[in-house]
Amino acid sequence: MLNILITGANSYIGISFSNWIENNTKDVSISTLEVKGDQWNRASFTGIDTIFHVAGIAHIKETRDNAELYYHVNRDLAVQLAEKAKREGVKQFVFLSSMSVYGKEFGKIDERTPLIPTTNYGKSKMQAEHFINQMADENFRVTILRPPIIYGPGCKGNYPRLAQLALKTPLFPDSENRRSMLYIDNLCSYVWVLINEKRSGLFLPQNSEYVNTGVMVQQIALAHGKKLTLTKGFNPLIRLLKWSVIEKVFGSLYYQKDTENRVKYAEISFAESIKLTEKGPL
């Protein structure tokens, strides 16, 4: 029996991974740990094979007042959990980091791309990676993931905003951009392979297909039986506008595929993932 502990009992990724394991594997025991406050430090990690640390702060607006909170939760808590895990004999620590550690908003990311995070979220994740990696040895495997945008039923972020727009507009810009994205079940399947195969190191998970914003919005509309036409007529206006939100939606940000530490897993296609996302939670 493989024993996996997930931190962040009520997190989107934690709940999704727990459900995926229950539906797709055998002889695996999943437990969760709430890490708000300091009660978690009294829990015993004895007998735990792998900790999947997903608890953290994201999707909140950064301000001066909450800056320290990012470092307390995303860095200090992660490091303290890893230290306790190693001390109590846990064999593998899987840390959910982020594409934000690169600090890039546009362009390609490959093995030469430096880590220059620009947000407290990205900085705190990068610093946590650094300290946790220092603990790695032959008895304590450290596995770091830097996923791009994660989407799926009930997700937060830009995806649900685009989904709402897809149901309201008959036209959408036909832009030529590419984004690395990751469907939640693909992430879960990917992480399971890393745990089952006892993999360590740095991993950049993403869907095998790059995402074009216009095509994605069109697929969302199609999932609801609605017709949405892509047009290049808006493209000159998009190029003129320098609003941050416009640039993020229609700009390109992606991992070069040959930079991945290759992992073979059961992947759901992009088109099918949109159908499942729009179908919503079962």
Protein backbone atom coordinates (compact mmCIF):
# COMPACT_ATOMS: atom_id res chain seq x y z
CA MET A 1 0.00 0.00 0.00
CA LEU A 2 1.37 3.40 -1.05
CA ASN A 3 0.57 6.19 1.42
CA ILE A 4 0.24 9.71 -0.01
CA LEU A 5 -0.42 12.81 2.08
CA ILE A 6 -1.83 15.94 0.41
CA THR A 7 -1.43 19.30 2.10
CA GLY A 8 -4.19 21.81 1.50
CA ALA A 9 -7.24 19.74 2.37
CA ASN A 10 -9.69 22.04 0.58
CA SER A 11 -7.54 23.22 -2.33
CA TYR A 12 -8.72 22.80 -5.93
CA ILE A 13 -5.71 20.73 -6.93
CA GLY A 14 -5.67 18.75 -3.71
CA ILE A 15 -9.33 17.74 -4.01
CA SER A 16 -8.93 16.97 -7.72
CA PHE A 17 -5.87 14.79 -7.16
CA SER A 18 -7.51 12.91 -4.31
CA ASN A 19 -10.58 12.20 -6.46
CA TRP A 20 -8.44 11.17 -9.43
CA ILE A 21 -6.43 8.71 -7.34
CA GLU A 22 -9.61 7.21 -5.91
CA ASN A 23 -11.06 6.70 -9.40
CA ASN A 24 -7.93 5.56 -11.24
CA THR A 25 -5.65 3.60 -8.94
CA LYS A 26 -5.59 0.68 -6.53
CA ASP A 27 -3.61 0.00 -3.38
CA VAL A 28 -3.11 3.70 -2.69
CA SER A 29 -4.09 5.40 0.55
CA ILE A 30 -4.76 9.14 0.39
CA SER A 31 -4.87 11.39 3.44
CA THR A 32 -5.04 15.17 3.67
CA LEU A 33 -3.59 17.69 6.08
CA GLU A 34 -4.90 21.16 6.82
CA VAL A 35 -1.90 23.45 7.25
CA LYS A 36 -3.54 26.69 8.36
CA GLY A 37 -2.30 27.63 11.80
CA ASP A 38 0.28 25.43 13.53
CA GLN A 39 -1.76 22.30 14.31
CA TRP A 40 -0.14 20.49 11.36
CA ASN A 41 3.16 20.38 13.21
CA ARG A 42 1.65 17.94 15.71
CA ALA A 43 0.70 15.44 12.99
CA SER A 44 2.84 12.36 12.48
CA PHE A 45 4.33 11.69 9.06
CA THR A 46 5.45 8.20 10.05
CA GLY A 47 4.46 5.68 7.37
CA ILE A 48 3.87 8.35 4.70
CA ASP A 49 5.67 7.56 1.43
CA THR A 50 5.00 10.80 -0.47
CA ILE A 51 3.80 14.26 0.46
CA PHE A 52 2.20 16.27 -2.34
CA HIS A 53 2.44 19.86 -1.15
CA VAL A 54 -0.17 21.94 -2.95
CA ALA A 55 -1.21 24.34 -0.18
CA GLY A 56 -0.30 27.93 -0.94
CA ILE A 57 -1.53 31.41 -1.76
CA ALA A 58 -2.56 32.29 -5.31
CA HIS A 59 -5.35 34.10 -7.17
CA ILE A 60 -5.45 37.05 -4.78
CA LYS A 61 -4.40 40.57 -5.65
CA GLU A 62 -0.92 41.39 -4.37
CA THR A 63 -0.61 44.42 -2.10
CA ARG A 64 1.94 45.83 0.30
CA ASP A 65 -0.16 44.57 3.18
CA ASN A 66 -0.20 40.92 2.05
CA ALA A 67 3.35 40.70 0.70
CA GLU A 68 4.77 38.94 3.78
CA LEU A 69 1.92 36.44 3.73
CA TYR A 70 3.19 35.06 0.41
CA TYR A 71 6.61 34.32 1.91
CA HIS A 72 5.17 32.93 5.13
CA VAL A 73 2.86 30.49 3.33
CA ASN A 74 4.48 29.75 -0.04
CA ARG A 75 8.08 29.64 1.20
CA ASP A 76 8.40 29.22 4.96
CA LEU A 77 5.54 26.77 5.43
CA ALA A 78 6.70 24.66 2.47
CA VAL A 79 10.26 24.51 3.82
CA GLN A 80 9.09 23.62 7.34
CA LEU A 81 6.90 20.83 5.97
CA ALA A 82 9.77 19.46 3.91
CA GLU A 83 12.09 19.54 6.91
CA LYS A 84 9.57 17.66 9.03
CA ALA A 85 8.95 15.18 6.20
CA LYS A 86 12.64 14.38 5.87
CA ARG A 87 13.09 14.14 9.63
CA GLU A 88 10.22 11.65 9.95
CA GLY A 89 11.24 9.37 7.09
CA VAL A 90 9.03 10.48 4.18
CA LYS A 91 10.64 9.22 0.99
CA GLN A 92 9.43 11.84 -1.54
CA PHE A 93 8.35 15.47 -1.36
CA VAL A 94 6.44 16.77 -4.40
CA PHE A 95 6.33 20.57 -4.43
CA LEU A 96 3.87 22.43 -6.62
CA SER A 97 5.70 25.52 -7.81
CA SER A 98 4.69 27.70 -10.77
CA MET A 99 5.62 29.03 -14.20
CA SER A 100 5.66 32.41 -12.43
CA VAL A 101 9.20 31.75 -11.16
CA TYR A 102 10.47 32.79 -14.61
CA GLY A 103 8.91 36.24 -14.34
CA LYS A 104 7.95 36.20 -18.01
CA GLU A 105 4.57 37.33 -19.30
CA PHE A 106 5.29 36.68 -22.97
CA GLY A 107 7.45 34.49 -25.17
CA LYS A 108 9.12 31.10 -25.02
CA ILE A 109 10.60 29.44 -21.96
CA ASP A 110 13.39 26.90 -22.40
CA GLU A 111 16.37 25.52 -20.48
CA ARG A 112 18.25 28.83 -20.84
CA THR A 113 15.47 31.00 -19.44
CA PRO A 114 16.64 32.59 -16.16
CA LEU A 115 14.50 32.75 -13.02
CA ILE A 116 13.63 36.44 -12.58
CA PRO A 117 10.24 36.47 -10.85
CA THR A 118 8.51 39.84 -10.66
CA THR A 119 5.71 39.06 -8.19
CA ASN A 120 5.71 38.02 -4.55
CA TYR A 121 3.98 34.83 -5.64
CA GLY A 122 6.76 33.96 -8.09
CA LYS A 123 9.55 35.05 -5.74
CA SER A 124 8.18 33.04 -2.81
CA LYS A 125 7.84 29.91 -4.97
CA MET A 126 11.38 30.29 -6.34
CA GLN A 127 12.83 30.69 -2.86
CA ALA A 128 10.91 27.67 -1.58
CA GLU A 129 12.30 25.59 -4.45
CA HIS A 130 15.83 26.64 -3.55
CA PHE A 131 15.63 25.65 0.10
CA ILE A 132 13.71 22.40 -0.50
CA ASN A 133 16.13 21.28 -3.21
CA GLN A 134 18.99 21.60 -0.72
CA MET A 135 17.39 18.83 1.37
CA ALA A 136 17.41 16.26 -1.44
CA ASP A 137 19.47 13.11 -1.01
CA GLU A 138 19.23 9.40 -1.82
CA ASN A 139 16.69 8.87 0.96
CA PHE A 140 14.62 12.02 0.36
CA ARG A 141 13.56 12.62 -3.22
CA VAL A 142 12.53 16.17 -4.11
CA THR A 143 10.18 16.60 -7.07
CA ILE A 144 9.49 20.15 -8.32
CA LEU A 145 6.66 20.99 -10.73
CA ARG A 146 6.27 24.33 -12.52
CA PRO A 147 2.88 24.08 -14.22
CA PRO A 148 1.42 26.77 -16.47
CA ILE A 149 -2.27 27.82 -16.25
CA ILE A 150 -4.33 24.95 -14.85
CA TYR A 151 -7.96 24.65 -15.89
CA GLY A 152 -10.84 22.28 -15.35
CA PRO A 153 -14.34 22.12 -13.83
CA GLY A 154 -14.66 24.71 -11.07
CA CYS A 155 -11.24 26.29 -11.71
CA LYS A 156 -10.38 29.92 -10.92
CA GLY A 157 -8.43 32.51 -12.89
CA ASN A 158 -8.83 33.71 -16.48
CA TYR A 159 -10.41 30.55 -17.88
CA PRO A 160 -13.89 31.05 -16.32
CA ARG A 161 -13.87 34.69 -17.50
CA LEU A 162 -13.20 33.59 -21.07
CA ALA A 163 -15.86 30.90 -20.73
CA GLN A 164 -18.45 33.52 -19.77
CA LEU A 165 -17.42 35.65 -22.74
CA ALA A 166 -17.69 32.67 -25.09
CA LEU A 167 -21.37 32.33 -24.23
CA LYS A 168 -22.14 36.01 -24.78
CA THR A 169 -20.35 37.01 -27.98
CA PRO A 170 -20.89 35.74 -31.55
CA LEU A 171 -17.45 37.04 -32.67
CA PHE A 172 -13.97 36.69 -31.20
CA PRO A 173 -10.51 37.77 -32.40
CA ASP A 174 -8.63 35.22 -34.48
CA SER A 175 -5.22 35.86 -32.95
CA GLU A 176 -2.08 33.86 -33.66
CA ASN A 177 -0.87 33.18 -30.14
CA ARG A 178 0.16 30.06 -28.27
CA ARG A 179 -0.13 29.30 -24.58
CA SER A 180 1.05 26.42 -22.45
CA MET A 181 -1.90 25.20 -20.37
CA LEU A 182 -2.64 22.10 -18.34
CA TYR A 183 -5.95 20.32 -17.84
CA ILE A 184 -6.46 19.33 -14.21
CA ASP A 185 -6.83 15.58 -14.92
CA ASN A 186 -3.66 15.67 -17.00
CA LEU A 187 -1.85 17.21 -14.04
CA CYS A 188 -3.22 14.50 -11.74
CA SER A 189 -2.18 11.72 -14.14
CA TYR A 190 1.25 13.32 -14.55
CA VAL A 191 1.83 13.62 -10.80
CA TRP A 192 0.75 10.03 -10.26
CA VAL A 193 3.46 8.84 -12.67
CA LEU A 194 6.07 10.90 -10.80
CA ILE A 195 4.99 9.32 -7.52
CA ASN A 196 4.54 5.78 -8.80
CA GLU A 197 7.90 5.83 -10.61
CA LYS A 198 9.63 7.58 -7.70
CA ARG A 199 10.85 10.38 -9.97
CA SER A 200 12.78 13.36 -8.68
CA GLY A 201 14.04 16.59 -10.23
CA LEU A 202 12.40 19.47 -12.08
CA PHE A 203 9.33 18.94 -14.29
CA LEU A 204 7.44 21.32 -16.60
CA PRO A 205 4.06 19.66 -17.18
CA GLN A 206 1.78 20.95 -19.93
CA ASN A 207 -0.79 19.68 -22.40
CA SER A 208 0.90 18.26 -25.48
CA GLU A 209 -1.08 20.79 -27.57
CA TYR A 210 -0.40 24.50 -27.33
CA VAL A 211 -3.54 26.56 -26.82
CA ASN A 212 -4.68 29.36 -29.12
CA THR A 213 -6.98 31.75 -27.23
CA GLY A 214 -9.47 32.14 -30.10
CA VAL A 215 -9.68 28.41 -30.73
CA MET A 216 -10.18 27.76 -27.02
CA VAL A 217 -13.05 30.24 -26.77
CA GLN A 218 -14.58 28.72 -29.90
CA GLN A 219 -14.31 25.23 -28.37
CA ILE A 220 -16.01 26.46 -25.19
CA ALA A 221 -18.91 27.88 -27.20
CA LEU A 222 -19.14 24.64 -29.19
CA ALA A 223 -19.38 22.64 -25.95
CA HIS A 224 -22.56 24.58 -25.20
CA GLY A 225 -24.00 24.16 -28.70
CA LYS A 226 -23.32 27.77 -29.65
CA LYS A 227 -21.68 29.07 -32.81
CA LEU A 228 -18.81 31.51 -32.42
CA THR A 229 -16.97 32.96 -35.41
CA LEU A 230 -13.31 33.90 -35.29
CA THR A 231 -12.36 37.05 -37.17
CA LYS A 232 -9.07 38.81 -37.86
CA GLY A 233 -10.90 42.13 -38.01
CA PHE A 234 -10.10 42.91 -34.37
CA ASN A 235 -6.38 42.11 -34.66
CA PRO A 236 -5.18 45.66 -35.58
CA LEU A 237 -6.96 47.01 -32.49
CA ILE A 238 -5.42 44.30 -30.27
CA ARG A 239 -1.96 45.24 -31.52
CA LEU A 240 -2.58 48.91 -30.70
CA LEU A 241 -3.98 48.34 -27.21
CA LYS A 242 -1.32 47.89 -24.54
CA TRP A 243 -3.65 47.03 -21.66
CA SER A 244 -2.12 44.34 -19.49
CA VAL A 245 -5.23 42.15 -19.58
CA ILE A 246 -5.40 42.30 -23.39
CA GLU A 247 -1.75 41.39 -23.74
CA LYS A 248 -2.11 38.46 -21.32
CA VAL A 249 -5.14 37.06 -23.12
CA PHE A 250 -3.78 37.38 -26.66
CA GLY A 251 -0.03 37.17 -26.08
CA SER A 252 2.07 34.00 -26.28
CA LEU A 253 3.65 32.32 -23.26
CA TYR A 254 4.75 28.73 -23.57
CA TYR A 255 7.26 26.06 -22.64
CA GLN A 256 9.41 24.80 -25.47
CA LYS A 257 8.37 21.17 -25.64
CA ASP A 258 11.80 19.65 -25.85
CA THR A 259 12.73 21.25 -22.49
CA GLU A 260 10.39 18.89 -20.64
CA ASN A 261 11.72 16.12 -18.46
CA ARG A 262 9.64 13.64 -20.42
CA VAL A 263 6.87 11.83 -18.58
CA LYS A 264 4.59 9.31 -20.27
CA TYR A 265 1.09 9.49 -18.85
CA ALA A 266 -2.53 9.02 -19.90
CA GLU A 267 -3.38 12.38 -21.47
CA ILE A 268 -6.81 13.80 -22.27
CA SER A 269 -6.82 15.81 -25.51
CA PHE A 270 -7.40 19.55 -25.51
CA ALA A 271 -10.79 19.32 -27.27
CA GLU A 272 -12.00 16.65 -24.86
CA SER A 273 -10.70 18.59 -21.86
CA ILE A 274 -12.81 21.61 -22.84
CA LYS A 275 -15.91 19.43 -23.13
CA LEU A 276 -15.25 17.92 -19.69
CA THR A 277 -14.53 21.33 -18.15
CA GLU A 278 -17.73 22.86 -19.49
CA LYS A 279 -19.72 19.81 -18.45
CA GLY A 280 -18.76 20.77 -14.92
CA PRO A 281 -18.26 18.69 -11.76
CA LEU A 282 -20.14 15.41 -11.66
